[in-house]
Amino acid sequence: MVIQTDGLTKQFNGKGGFANISLSVREGEVFSFLGKNGAGKSTFVRTLLGILYPTSGEATILGEKIGNVEIRKQIGYLPELFQYQNWLTGYELLFNHGLLYKMDRQDIKKRIEEVLLTIGLKGHENKKLKEYSKGMKQRVGLGCAILSNPKILFLDEPTSALDPVGRKQVRDIICNLKNQGKTIFLNTHLLSEVEMISDRVAILDKGQMKKIGTMNELTNSPVIVSLENINDDMISELKKFDPMINILSNNMEIHVDDQTIPNVVSTIVKNDGLIYMIKRKENVLEELFINTVGEVDER
């Protein structure tokens, strides 16, 4: 496992933070930590990075205890509320970060060219940061995080302040990094982002981990079918796929995987059913999230 924690706890005078978090993150996956603002997500990441010392419990990154200097060299980090010097150009910012990583100057120049293409800022690198849009600033922040070509990326709310176009741009970069084999630990409260790019998800509430698993394991999203001519023979055959099939008027909810959907359609048609629409139920993660953490802000 790339990241492993066992009962990891960080509290401040016995309050806040998080408690007894045990989880594993596999190589090459996007693992999303989902929770309300103030749930303890950022504190958890800062503890893993060695910025904060844990109160109790253990954690390893790439097989070494957290805080190991050599392991830190293989980690990239984009904090939630970062501020860079507005008088610098994008190129100068990236170059200075390369120096902080103690990279060779020629290697920095070569790597900057690769990073600019990855983050979509080629041609904008000589503009001052004060001229950058929010989306461009977020992408150059991502560029700083990936400059050293790390194995693991910790991204804290990378799309929360962006418009839909900016979110898509950052999301595309994350997917591209995943395709390169990077392991990405994503902190967010944006459910749509989690659904689109995550391999596994953990839900944190008031510092406690409530649920963890793949999207399918957590949501078990049913297929909704709008149809006519529902009959007993059809229902009897469909129950072979899902004994708990739910039928309300001319709508049917059935829990099946994607590979079984063609068999469901074939069964309906064979039994003289008329299908008008078939799709996965939407916003299931939202329902799960609200049922898990509640709707009231108790901070």
C-alpha atoms as a PDB file:
ATOM      1  CA  MET A   1       0.000   0.000   0.000  1.00  0.00           C
ATOM      2  CA  VAL A   2       1.217   3.514  -0.794  1.00  0.00           C
ATOM      3  CA  ILE A   3      -0.470   5.028   2.279  1.00  0.00           C
ATOM      4  CA  GLN A   4      -1.396   3.064   5.401  1.00  0.00           C
ATOM      5  CA  THR A   5      -2.800   4.406   8.657  1.00  0.00           C
ATOM      6  CA  ASP A   6      -3.700   2.533  11.839  1.00  0.00           C
ATOM      7  CA  GLY A   7      -5.734   4.392  14.438  1.00  0.00           C
ATOM      8  CA  LEU A   8      -4.161   7.704  13.407  1.00  0.00           C
ATOM      9  CA  THR A   9      -5.349  10.552  15.631  1.00  0.00           C
ATOM     10  CA  LYS A  10      -4.601  14.263  15.797  1.00  0.00           C
ATOM     11  CA  GLN A  11      -6.461  16.431  18.283  1.00  0.00           C
ATOM     12  CA  PHE A  12      -5.863  19.811  19.812  1.00  0.00           C
ATOM     13  CA  ASN A  13      -6.215  19.766  23.601  1.00  0.00           C
ATOM     14  CA  GLY A  14      -8.466  16.748  23.184  1.00  0.00           C
ATOM     15  CA  LYS A  15     -10.735  18.480  20.657  1.00  0.00           C
ATOM     16  CA  GLY A  16     -11.154  18.906  16.906  1.00  0.00           C
ATOM     17  CA  GLY A  17      -8.916  17.271  14.348  1.00  0.00           C
ATOM     18  CA  PHE A  18      -9.654  13.596  13.693  1.00  0.00           C
ATOM     19  CA  ALA A  19      -9.549  10.328  15.612  1.00  0.00           C
ATOM     20  CA  ASN A  20      -8.796   6.652  14.981  1.00  0.00           C
ATOM     21  CA  ILE A  21      -8.499   6.783  11.192  1.00  0.00           C
ATOM     22  CA  SER A  22      -7.446   3.457   9.671  1.00  0.00           C
ATOM     23  CA  LEU A  23      -7.254   3.270   5.898  1.00  0.00           C
ATOM     24  CA  SER A  24      -5.158   2.108   2.962  1.00  0.00           C
ATOM     25  CA  VAL A  25      -4.478   3.807  -0.366  1.00  0.00           C
ATOM     26  CA  ARG A  26      -3.330   1.698  -3.291  1.00  0.00           C
ATOM     27  CA  GLU A  27      -0.767   2.646  -5.896  1.00  0.00           C
ATOM     28  CA  GLY A  28      -2.180   4.468  -8.928  1.00  0.00           C
ATOM     29  CA  GLU A  29      -5.646   5.193  -7.548  1.00  0.00           C
ATOM     30  CA  VAL A  30      -7.566   8.391  -6.885  1.00  0.00           C
ATOM     31  CA  PHE A  31      -8.627   8.196  -3.262  1.00  0.00           C
ATOM     32  CA  SER A  32     -11.093  10.882  -2.182  1.00  0.00           C
ATOM     33  CA  PHE A  33     -11.625  12.103   1.358  1.00  0.00           C
ATOM     34  CA  LEU A  34     -15.141  13.507   1.422  1.00  0.00           C
ATOM     35  CA  GLY A  35     -16.579  15.638   4.199  1.00  0.00           C
ATOM     36  CA  LYS A  36     -18.067  18.962   5.195  1.00  0.00           C
ATOM     37  CA  ASN A  37     -15.829  21.964   5.723  1.00  0.00           C
ATOM     38  CA  GLY A  38     -14.261  21.527   9.151  1.00  0.00           C
ATOM     39  CA  ALA A  39     -14.581  17.740   9.181  1.00  0.00           C
ATOM     40  CA  GLY A  40     -10.824  17.269   9.714  1.00  0.00           C
ATOM     41  CA  LYS A  41      -9.767  16.518   6.124  1.00  0.00           C
ATOM     42  CA  SER A  42      -6.982  19.120   5.894  1.00  0.00           C
ATOM     43  CA  THR A  43      -5.685  18.259   9.359  1.00  0.00           C
ATOM     44  CA  PHE A  44      -5.451  14.614   8.289  1.00  0.00           C
ATOM     45  CA  VAL A  45      -3.412  15.492   5.190  1.00  0.00           C
ATOM     46  CA  ARG A  46      -1.087  17.822   7.094  1.00  0.00           C
ATOM     47  CA  THR A  47      -0.490  15.048   9.608  1.00  0.00           C
ATOM     48  CA  LEU A  48       0.370  12.568   6.876  1.00  0.00           C
ATOM     49  CA  LEU A  49       2.766  15.117   5.377  1.00  0.00           C
ATOM     50  CA  GLY A  50       4.562  15.538   8.700  1.00  0.00           C
ATOM     51  CA  ILE A  51       3.502  19.172   9.085  1.00  0.00           C
ATOM     52  CA  LEU A  52       1.558  18.193  12.214  1.00  0.00           C
ATOM     53  CA  TYR A  53       2.557  15.546  14.734  1.00  0.00           C
ATOM     54  CA  PRO A  54      -0.074  12.863  15.435  1.00  0.00           C
ATOM     55  CA  THR A  55      -1.519  12.560  18.910  1.00  0.00           C
ATOM     56  CA  SER A  56      -1.567   8.769  18.611  1.00  0.00           C
ATOM     57  CA  GLY A  57      -1.679   5.949  16.084  1.00  0.00           C
ATOM     58  CA  GLU A  58       0.660   5.113  13.235  1.00  0.00           C
ATOM     59  CA  ALA A  59       0.983   5.877   9.537  1.00  0.00           C
ATOM     60  CA  THR A  60       3.325   5.009   6.709  1.00  0.00           C
ATOM     61  CA  ILE A  61       3.858   6.416   3.220  1.00  0.00           C
ATOM     62  CA  LEU A  62       5.671   4.215   0.699  1.00  0.00           C
ATOM     63  CA  GLY A  63       6.505   1.856   3.550  1.00  0.00           C
ATOM     64  CA  GLU A  64       8.211   4.475   5.734  1.00  0.00           C
ATOM     65  CA  LYS A  65       6.890   6.282   8.786  1.00  0.00           C
ATOM     66  CA  ILE A  66       5.407   9.696   8.116  1.00  0.00           C
ATOM     67  CA  GLY A  67       7.898  12.542   8.404  1.00  0.00           C
ATOM     68  CA  ASN A  68      10.686  10.672   6.590  1.00  0.00           C
ATOM     69  CA  VAL A  69      12.635  13.314   4.618  1.00  0.00           C
ATOM     70  CA  GLU A  70      13.517  11.026   1.716  1.00  0.00           C
ATOM     71  CA  ILE A  71       9.864  10.025   1.307  1.00  0.00           C
ATOM     72  CA  ARG A  72       8.818  13.683   1.308  1.00  0.00           C
ATOM     73  CA  LYS A  73      10.818  14.110  -1.899  1.00  0.00           C
ATOM     74  CA  GLN A  74       8.381  11.743  -3.598  1.00  0.00           C
ATOM     75  CA  ILE A  75       5.298  13.703  -2.494  1.00  0.00           C
ATOM     76  CA  GLY A  76       3.582  16.652  -4.157  1.00  0.00           C
ATOM     77  CA  TYR A  77       1.199  18.872  -2.190  1.00  0.00           C
ATOM     78  CA  LEU A  78      -1.347  21.478  -3.231  1.00  0.00           C
ATOM     79  CA  PRO A  79      -2.779  23.159  -0.100  1.00  0.00           C
ATOM     80  CA  GLU A  80      -6.320  24.489  -0.055  1.00  0.00           C
ATOM     81  CA  LEU A  81      -5.581  28.176   0.486  1.00  0.00           C
ATOM     82  CA  PHE A  82      -2.238  28.769  -1.177  1.00  0.00           C
ATOM     83  CA  GLN A  83      -0.866  32.231  -1.934  1.00  0.00           C
ATOM     84  CA  TYR A  84       2.015  32.843  -4.309  1.00  0.00           C
ATOM     85  CA  GLN A  85       3.940  36.061  -4.944  1.00  0.00           C
ATOM     86  CA  ASN A  86       1.916  38.021  -7.504  1.00  0.00           C
ATOM     87  CA  TRP A  87       4.987  39.804  -8.847  1.00  0.00           C
ATOM     88  CA  LEU A  88       6.503  36.524 -10.078  1.00  0.00           C
ATOM     89  CA  THR A  89       5.799  35.072 -13.495  1.00  0.00           C
ATOM     90  CA  GLY A  90       4.477  31.539 -13.772  1.00  0.00           C
ATOM     91  CA  TYR A  91       7.894  30.405 -15.003  1.00  0.00           C
ATOM     92  CA  GLU A  92       9.708  32.079 -12.092  1.00  0.00           C
ATOM     93  CA  LEU A  93       7.349  30.462  -9.591  1.00  0.00           C
ATOM     94  CA  LEU A  94       7.924  26.998 -11.040  1.00  0.00           C
ATOM     95  CA  PHE A  95      11.692  27.556 -11.217  1.00  0.00           C
ATOM     96  CA  ASN A  96      11.850  28.663  -7.577  1.00  0.00           C
ATOM     97  CA  HIS A  97       9.914  25.568  -6.549  1.00  0.00           C
ATOM     98  CA  GLY A  98      12.432  23.467  -8.437  1.00  0.00           C
ATOM     99  CA  LEU A  99      15.206  25.079  -6.407  1.00  0.00           C
ATOM    100  CA  LEU A 100      13.307  24.316  -3.193  1.00  0.00           C
ATOM    101  CA  TYR A 101      13.216  20.671  -4.301  1.00  0.00           C
ATOM    102  CA  LYS A 102      17.032  20.969  -4.765  1.00  0.00           C
ATOM    103  CA  MET A 103      16.696  19.926  -8.385  1.00  0.00           C
ATOM    104  CA  ASP A 104      19.511  20.597 -10.873  1.00  0.00           C
ATOM    105  CA  ARG A 105      18.903  23.874 -12.756  1.00  0.00           C
ATOM    106  CA  GLN A 106      18.997  22.221 -16.175  1.00  0.00           C
ATOM    107  CA  ASP A 107      16.605  19.525 -14.973  1.00  0.00           C
ATOM    108  CA  ILE A 108      14.288  22.244 -13.672  1.00  0.00           C
ATOM    109  CA  LYS A 109      14.165  23.965 -17.061  1.00  0.00           C
ATOM    110  CA  LYS A 110      13.445  20.698 -18.854  1.00  0.00           C
ATOM    111  CA  ARG A 111      10.803  19.682 -16.332  1.00  0.00           C
ATOM    112  CA  ILE A 112       9.067  23.086 -16.485  1.00  0.00           C
ATOM    113  CA  GLU A 113       8.473  22.622 -20.213  1.00  0.00           C
ATOM    114  CA  GLU A 114       6.826  19.246 -19.544  1.00  0.00           C
ATOM    115  CA  VAL A 115       4.747  20.628 -16.672  1.00  0.00           C
ATOM    116  CA  LEU A 116       3.506  23.625 -18.679  1.00  0.00           C
ATOM    117  CA  LEU A 117       2.110  21.249 -21.281  1.00  0.00           C
ATOM    118  CA  THR A 118       0.514  19.061 -18.600  1.00  0.00           C
ATOM    119  CA  ILE A 119      -1.251  21.967 -16.868  1.00  0.00           C
ATOM    120  CA  GLY A 120      -2.175  23.743 -20.112  1.00  0.00           C
ATOM    121  CA  LEU A 121      -0.236  26.957 -19.446  1.00  0.00           C
ATOM    122  CA  LYS A 122       2.260  26.818 -22.299  1.00  0.00           C
ATOM    123  CA  GLY A 123       2.395  30.336 -23.703  1.00  0.00           C
ATOM    124  CA  HIS A 124       1.323  31.919 -20.408  1.00  0.00           C
ATOM    125  CA  GLU A 125       4.446  31.164 -18.390  1.00  0.00           C
ATOM    126  CA  ASN A 126       5.907  34.693 -18.783  1.00  0.00           C
ATOM    127  CA  LYS A 127       2.794  36.453 -17.486  1.00  0.00           C
ATOM    128  CA  LYS A 128       2.834  37.663 -13.888  1.00  0.00           C
ATOM    129  CA  LEU A 129       0.673  35.693 -11.477  1.00  0.00           C
ATOM    130  CA  LYS A 130      -1.448  38.777 -10.785  1.00  0.00           C
ATOM    131  CA  GLU A 131      -2.621  38.503 -14.416  1.00  0.00           C
ATOM    132  CA  TYR A 132      -3.694  34.875 -13.990  1.00  0.00           C
ATOM    133  CA  SER A 133      -7.345  33.891 -13.613  1.00  0.00           C
ATOM    134  CA  LYS A 134      -8.388  31.713 -10.664  1.00  0.00           C
ATOM    135  CA  GLY A 135      -8.260  28.660 -12.901  1.00  0.00           C
ATOM    136  CA  MET A 136      -4.770  29.505 -14.134  1.00  0.00           C
ATOM    137  CA  LYS A 137      -3.544  30.063 -10.567  1.00  0.00           C
ATOM    138  CA  GLN A 138      -4.969  26.706  -9.547  1.00  0.00           C
ATOM    139  CA  ARG A 139      -3.247  25.014 -12.471  1.00  0.00           C
ATOM    140  CA  VAL A 140       0.108  26.637 -11.790  1.00  0.00           C
ATOM    141  CA  GLY A 141      -0.308  25.479  -8.173  1.00  0.00           C
ATOM    142  CA  LEU A 142      -0.770  21.974  -9.510  1.00  0.00           C
ATOM    143  CA  GLY A 143       2.340  22.539 -11.604  1.00  0.00           C
ATOM    144  CA  CYS A 144       4.344  23.301  -8.456  1.00  0.00           C
ATOM    145  CA  ALA A 145       2.997  20.123  -6.852  1.00  0.00           C
ATOM    146  CA  ILE A 146       4.042  17.886  -9.761  1.00  0.00           C
ATOM    147  CA  LEU A 147       7.300  19.648 -10.691  1.00  0.00           C
ATOM    148  CA  SER A 148       9.528  17.083  -8.978  1.00  0.00           C
ATOM    149  CA  ASN A 149       7.598  14.250 -10.685  1.00  0.00           C
ATOM    150  CA  PRO A 150       6.398  12.805  -7.343  1.00  0.00           C
ATOM    151  CA  LYS A 151       4.813   9.396  -6.897  1.00  0.00           C
ATOM    152  CA  ILE A 152       2.039  10.688  -4.616  1.00  0.00           C
ATOM    153  CA  LEU A 153      -0.055  13.851  -4.829  1.00  0.00           C
ATOM    154  CA  PHE A 154      -2.066  15.357  -1.993  1.00  0.00           C
ATOM    155  CA  LEU A 155      -4.613  17.802  -3.402  1.00  0.00           C
ATOM    156  CA  ASP A 156      -6.657  19.769  -0.873  1.00  0.00           C
ATOM    157  CA  GLU A 157      -9.891  21.160  -2.384  1.00  0.00           C
ATOM    158  CA  PRO A 158      -8.275  21.713  -5.820  1.00  0.00           C
ATOM    159  CA  THR A 159     -11.507  22.805  -7.563  1.00  0.00           C
ATOM    160  CA  SER A 160     -13.674  24.378  -4.849  1.00  0.00           C
ATOM    161  CA  ALA A 161     -13.257  28.038  -5.924  1.00  0.00           C
ATOM    162  CA  LEU A 162     -13.442  27.435  -9.669  1.00  0.00           C
ATOM    163  CA  ASP A 163     -16.203  27.817 -12.230  1.00  0.00           C
ATOM    164  CA  PRO A 164     -17.354  24.745 -14.229  1.00  0.00           C
ATOM    165  CA  VAL A 165     -14.740  25.312 -16.950  1.00  0.00           C
ATOM    166  CA  GLY A 166     -11.944  25.640 -14.403  1.00  0.00           C
ATOM    167  CA  ARG A 167     -13.124  22.529 -12.547  1.00  0.00           C
ATOM    168  CA  LYS A 168     -13.095  20.522 -15.776  1.00  0.00           C
ATOM    169  CA  GLN A 169      -9.586  21.709 -16.608  1.00  0.00           C
ATOM    170  CA  VAL A 170      -8.254  20.671 -13.201  1.00  0.00           C
ATOM    171  CA  ARG A 171     -10.222  17.419 -13.325  1.00  0.00           C
ATOM    172  CA  ASP A 172      -8.686  16.575 -16.701  1.00  0.00           C
ATOM    173  CA  ILE A 173      -5.208  17.192 -15.285  1.00  0.00           C
ATOM    174  CA  ILE A 174      -5.923  14.856 -12.359  1.00  0.00           C
ATOM    175  CA  CYS A 175      -7.126  12.122 -14.727  1.00  0.00           C
ATOM    176  CA  ASN A 176      -4.008  12.618 -16.864  1.00  0.00           C
ATOM    177  CA  LEU A 177      -1.795  12.260 -13.781  1.00  0.00           C
ATOM    178  CA  LYS A 178      -3.627   9.107 -12.772  1.00  0.00           C
ATOM    179  CA  ASN A 179      -3.003   7.684 -16.250  1.00  0.00           C
ATOM    180  CA  GLN A 180       0.700   8.334 -15.636  1.00  0.00           C
ATOM    181  CA  GLY A 181       0.501   6.043 -12.607  1.00  0.00           C
ATOM    182  CA  LYS A 182       0.417   8.724  -9.915  1.00  0.00           C
ATOM    183  CA  THR A 183      -1.384   8.031  -6.651  1.00  0.00           C
ATOM    184  CA  ILE A 184      -3.699  10.918  -5.793  1.00  0.00           C
ATOM    185  CA  PHE A 185      -5.195  11.686  -2.380  1.00  0.00           C
ATOM    186  CA  LEU A 186      -7.992  14.179  -2.948  1.00  0.00           C
ATOM    187  CA  ASN A 187      -9.662  16.241  -0.235  1.00  0.00           C
ATOM    188  CA  THR A 188     -12.989  17.684  -1.321  1.00  0.00           C
ATOM    189  CA  HIS A 189     -16.589  18.431  -0.428  1.00  0.00           C
ATOM    190  CA  LEU A 190     -17.738  18.551  -4.070  1.00  0.00           C
ATOM    191  CA  LEU A 191     -19.723  15.380  -4.663  1.00  0.00           C
ATOM    192  CA  SER A 192     -19.748  15.684  -8.459  1.00  0.00           C
ATOM    193  CA  GLU A 193     -15.947  15.697  -8.553  1.00  0.00           C
ATOM    194  CA  VAL A 194     -15.788  12.582  -6.401  1.00  0.00           C
ATOM    195  CA  GLU A 195     -18.243  10.681  -8.593  1.00  0.00           C
ATOM    196  CA  MET A 196     -16.371  11.480 -11.805  1.00  0.00           C
ATOM    197  CA  ILE A 197     -12.760  10.721 -10.904  1.00  0.00           C
ATOM    198  CA  SER A 198     -12.524   8.644  -7.711  1.00  0.00           C
ATOM    199  CA  ASP A 199     -11.624   4.973  -7.444  1.00  0.00           C
ATOM    200  CA  ARG A 200     -12.402   4.824  -3.737  1.00  0.00           C
ATOM    201  CA  VAL A 201     -14.014   7.198  -1.272  1.00  0.00           C
ATOM    202  CA  ALA A 202     -13.960   7.739   2.484  1.00  0.00           C
ATOM    203  CA  ILE A 203     -16.538   9.914   4.247  1.00  0.00           C
ATOM    204  CA  LEU A 204     -15.319  11.877   7.242  1.00  0.00           C
ATOM    205  CA  ASP A 205     -17.672  13.500   9.749  1.00  0.00           C
ATOM    206  CA  LYS A 206     -16.607  15.418  12.867  1.00  0.00           C
ATOM    207  CA  GLY A 207     -13.188  13.792  12.690  1.00  0.00           C
ATOM    208  CA  GLN A 208     -14.548  10.252  12.457  1.00  0.00           C
ATOM    209  CA  MET A 209     -14.390   8.069   9.354  1.00  0.00           C
ATOM    210  CA  LYS A 210     -17.947   6.866   8.730  1.00  0.00           C
ATOM    211  CA  LYS A 211     -17.692   4.937   5.446  1.00  0.00           C
ATOM    212  CA  ILE A 212     -15.058   3.750   2.993  1.00  0.00           C
ATOM    213  CA  GLY A 213     -15.195   1.826  -0.279  1.00  0.00           C
ATOM    214  CA  THR A 214     -15.512   2.035  -4.047  1.00  0.00           C
ATOM    215  CA  MET A 215     -18.303   4.100  -5.569  1.00  0.00           C
ATOM    216  CA  ASN A 216     -20.246   0.916  -6.386  1.00  0.00           C
ATOM    217  CA  GLU A 217     -19.791  -0.455  -2.881  1.00  0.00           C
ATOM    218  CA  LEU A 218     -20.975   2.763  -1.259  1.00  0.00           C
ATOM    219  CA  THR A 219     -23.819   3.812  -3.520  1.00  0.00           C
ATOM    220  CA  ASN A 220     -25.157   0.604  -5.087  1.00  0.00           C
ATOM    221  CA  SER A 221     -26.922   2.870  -7.592  1.00  0.00           C
ATOM    222  CA  PRO A 222     -30.019   1.204  -9.114  1.00  0.00           C
ATOM    223  CA  VAL A 223     -31.003   1.243 -12.784  1.00  0.00           C
ATOM    224  CA  ILE A 224     -34.260   3.095 -13.440  1.00  0.00           C
ATOM    225  CA  VAL A 225     -36.445   1.835 -16.292  1.00  0.00           C
ATOM    226  CA  SER A 226     -39.532   3.670 -17.550  1.00  0.00           C
ATOM    227  CA  LEU A 227     -41.764   1.225 -19.415  1.00  0.00           C
ATOM    228  CA  GLU A 228     -45.259  -0.009 -20.189  1.00  0.00           C
ATOM    229  CA  ASN A 229     -46.915  -3.434 -20.312  1.00  0.00           C
ATOM    230  CA  ILE A 230     -45.427  -4.679 -17.053  1.00  0.00           C
ATOM    231  CA  ASN A 231     -46.678  -8.204 -16.410  1.00  0.00           C
ATOM    232  CA  ASP A 232     -46.178 -11.048 -13.940  1.00  0.00           C
ATOM    233  CA  ASP A 233     -43.985 -13.150 -16.260  1.00  0.00           C
ATOM    234  CA  MET A 234     -41.663 -10.190 -16.813  1.00  0.00           C
ATOM    235  CA  ILE A 235     -41.372  -9.485 -13.097  1.00  0.00           C
ATOM    236  CA  SER A 236     -40.753 -13.148 -12.307  1.00  0.00           C
ATOM    237  CA  GLU A 237     -37.839 -13.307 -14.746  1.00  0.00           C
ATOM    238  CA  LEU A 238     -36.384  -9.951 -13.664  1.00  0.00           C
ATOM    239  CA  LYS A 239     -36.327 -11.102 -10.045  1.00  0.00           C
ATOM    240  CA  LYS A 240     -33.611 -13.561 -11.085  1.00  0.00           C
ATOM    241  CA  PHE A 241     -31.361 -10.514 -11.494  1.00  0.00           C
ATOM    242  CA  ASP A 242     -32.636  -8.644  -8.420  1.00  0.00           C
ATOM    243  CA  PRO A 243     -35.071 -10.339  -5.995  1.00  0.00           C
ATOM    244  CA  MET A 244     -35.799  -6.942  -4.407  1.00  0.00           C
ATOM    245  CA  ILE A 245     -36.839  -5.228  -7.645  1.00  0.00           C
ATOM    246  CA  ASN A 246     -39.005  -2.177  -6.965  1.00  0.00           C
ATOM    247  CA  ILE A 247     -41.923  -1.273  -9.256  1.00  0.00           C
ATOM    248  CA  LEU A 248     -43.949   1.914  -8.926  1.00  0.00           C
ATOM    249  CA  SER A 249     -46.518   2.647 -11.630  1.00  0.00           C
ATOM    250  CA  ASN A 250     -44.591   2.630 -14.925  1.00  0.00           C
ATOM    251  CA  ASN A 251     -41.142   2.928 -13.342  1.00  0.00           C
ATOM    252  CA  MET A 252     -38.897   0.114 -12.217  1.00  0.00           C
ATOM    253  CA  GLU A 253     -35.773   0.214 -10.041  1.00  0.00           C
ATOM    254  CA  ILE A 254     -33.449  -2.770 -10.321  1.00  0.00           C
ATOM    255  CA  HIS A 255     -29.979  -3.266  -8.833  1.00  0.00           C
ATOM    256  CA  VAL A 256     -27.703  -4.811 -11.459  1.00  0.00           C
ATOM    257  CA  ASP A 257     -24.183  -4.209 -12.743  1.00  0.00           C
ATOM    258  CA  ASP A 258     -23.521  -2.717 -16.179  1.00  0.00           C
ATOM    259  CA  GLN A 259     -22.886  -6.108 -17.755  1.00  0.00           C
ATOM    260  CA  THR A 260     -26.369  -7.304 -16.766  1.00  0.00           C
ATOM    261  CA  ILE A 261     -28.289  -4.343 -18.218  1.00  0.00           C
ATOM    262  CA  PRO A 262     -28.549  -5.876 -21.754  1.00  0.00           C
ATOM    263  CA  ASN A 263     -30.087  -9.003 -20.199  1.00  0.00           C
ATOM    264  CA  VAL A 264     -32.619  -6.846 -18.335  1.00  0.00           C
ATOM    265  CA  VAL A 265     -33.571  -5.078 -21.567  1.00  0.00           C
ATOM    266  CA  SER A 266     -33.850  -8.385 -23.431  1.00  0.00           C
ATOM    267  CA  THR A 267     -36.098  -9.835 -20.718  1.00  0.00           C
ATOM    268  CA  ILE A 268     -38.431  -6.819 -20.813  1.00  0.00           C
ATOM    269  CA  VAL A 269     -38.705  -6.849 -24.606  1.00  0.00           C
ATOM    270  CA  LYS A 270     -39.230 -10.631 -24.702  1.00  0.00           C
ATOM    271  CA  ASN A 271     -42.186 -10.209 -22.349  1.00  0.00           C
ATOM    272  CA  ASP A 272     -43.795  -7.515 -24.535  1.00  0.00           C
ATOM    273  CA  GLY A 273     -42.567  -4.579 -22.462  1.00  0.00           C
ATOM    274  CA  LEU A 274     -42.143  -1.152 -24.071  1.00  0.00           C
ATOM    275  CA  ILE A 275     -39.060   0.710 -22.806  1.00  0.00           C
ATOM    276  CA  TYR A 276     -39.059   4.512 -22.916  1.00  0.00           C
ATOM    277  CA  MET A 277     -36.003   5.273 -20.827  1.00  0.00           C
ATOM    278  CA  ILE A 278     -33.240   3.444 -18.963  1.00  0.00           C
ATOM    279  CA  LYS A 279     -30.527   5.074 -16.845  1.00  0.00           C
ATOM    280  CA  ARG A 280     -28.661   4.885 -13.559  1.00  0.00           C
ATOM    281  CA  LYS A 281     -30.269   6.730 -10.673  1.00  0.00           C
ATOM    282  CA  GLU A 282     -28.505  10.058 -10.126  1.00  0.00           C
ATOM    283  CA  ASN A 283     -27.394  11.846  -6.943  1.00  0.00           C
ATOM    284  CA  VAL A 284     -27.099   8.591  -5.002  1.00  0.00           C
ATOM    285  CA  LEU A 285     -23.790   9.736  -3.498  1.00  0.00           C
ATOM    286  CA  GLU A 286     -25.468  12.953  -2.355  1.00  0.00           C
ATOM    287  CA  GLU A 287     -28.160  10.938  -0.581  1.00  0.00           C
ATOM    288  CA  LEU A 288     -25.531   8.742   1.059  1.00  0.00           C
ATOM    289  CA  PHE A 289     -23.451  11.742   2.111  1.00  0.00           C
ATOM    290  CA  ILE A 290     -26.362  13.652   3.663  1.00  0.00           C
ATOM    291  CA  ASN A 291     -27.646  10.515   5.411  1.00  0.00           C
ATOM    292  CA  THR A 292     -24.152   9.969   6.807  1.00  0.00           C
ATOM    293  CA  VAL A 293     -23.193  13.476   7.962  1.00  0.00           C
ATOM    294  CA  GLY A 294     -26.574  15.197   8.249  1.00  0.00           C
ATOM    295  CA  GLU A 295     -27.712  18.534   6.851  1.00  0.00           C
ATOM    296  CA  VAL A 296     -27.072  20.758   9.870  1.00  0.00           C
ATOM    297  CA  ASP A 297     -23.775  22.648  10.093  1.00  0.00           C
ATOM    298  CA  GLU A 298     -22.675  21.959  13.671  1.00  0.00           C
ATOM    299  CA  ARG A 299     -19.293  23.638  13.560  1.00  0.00           C
END
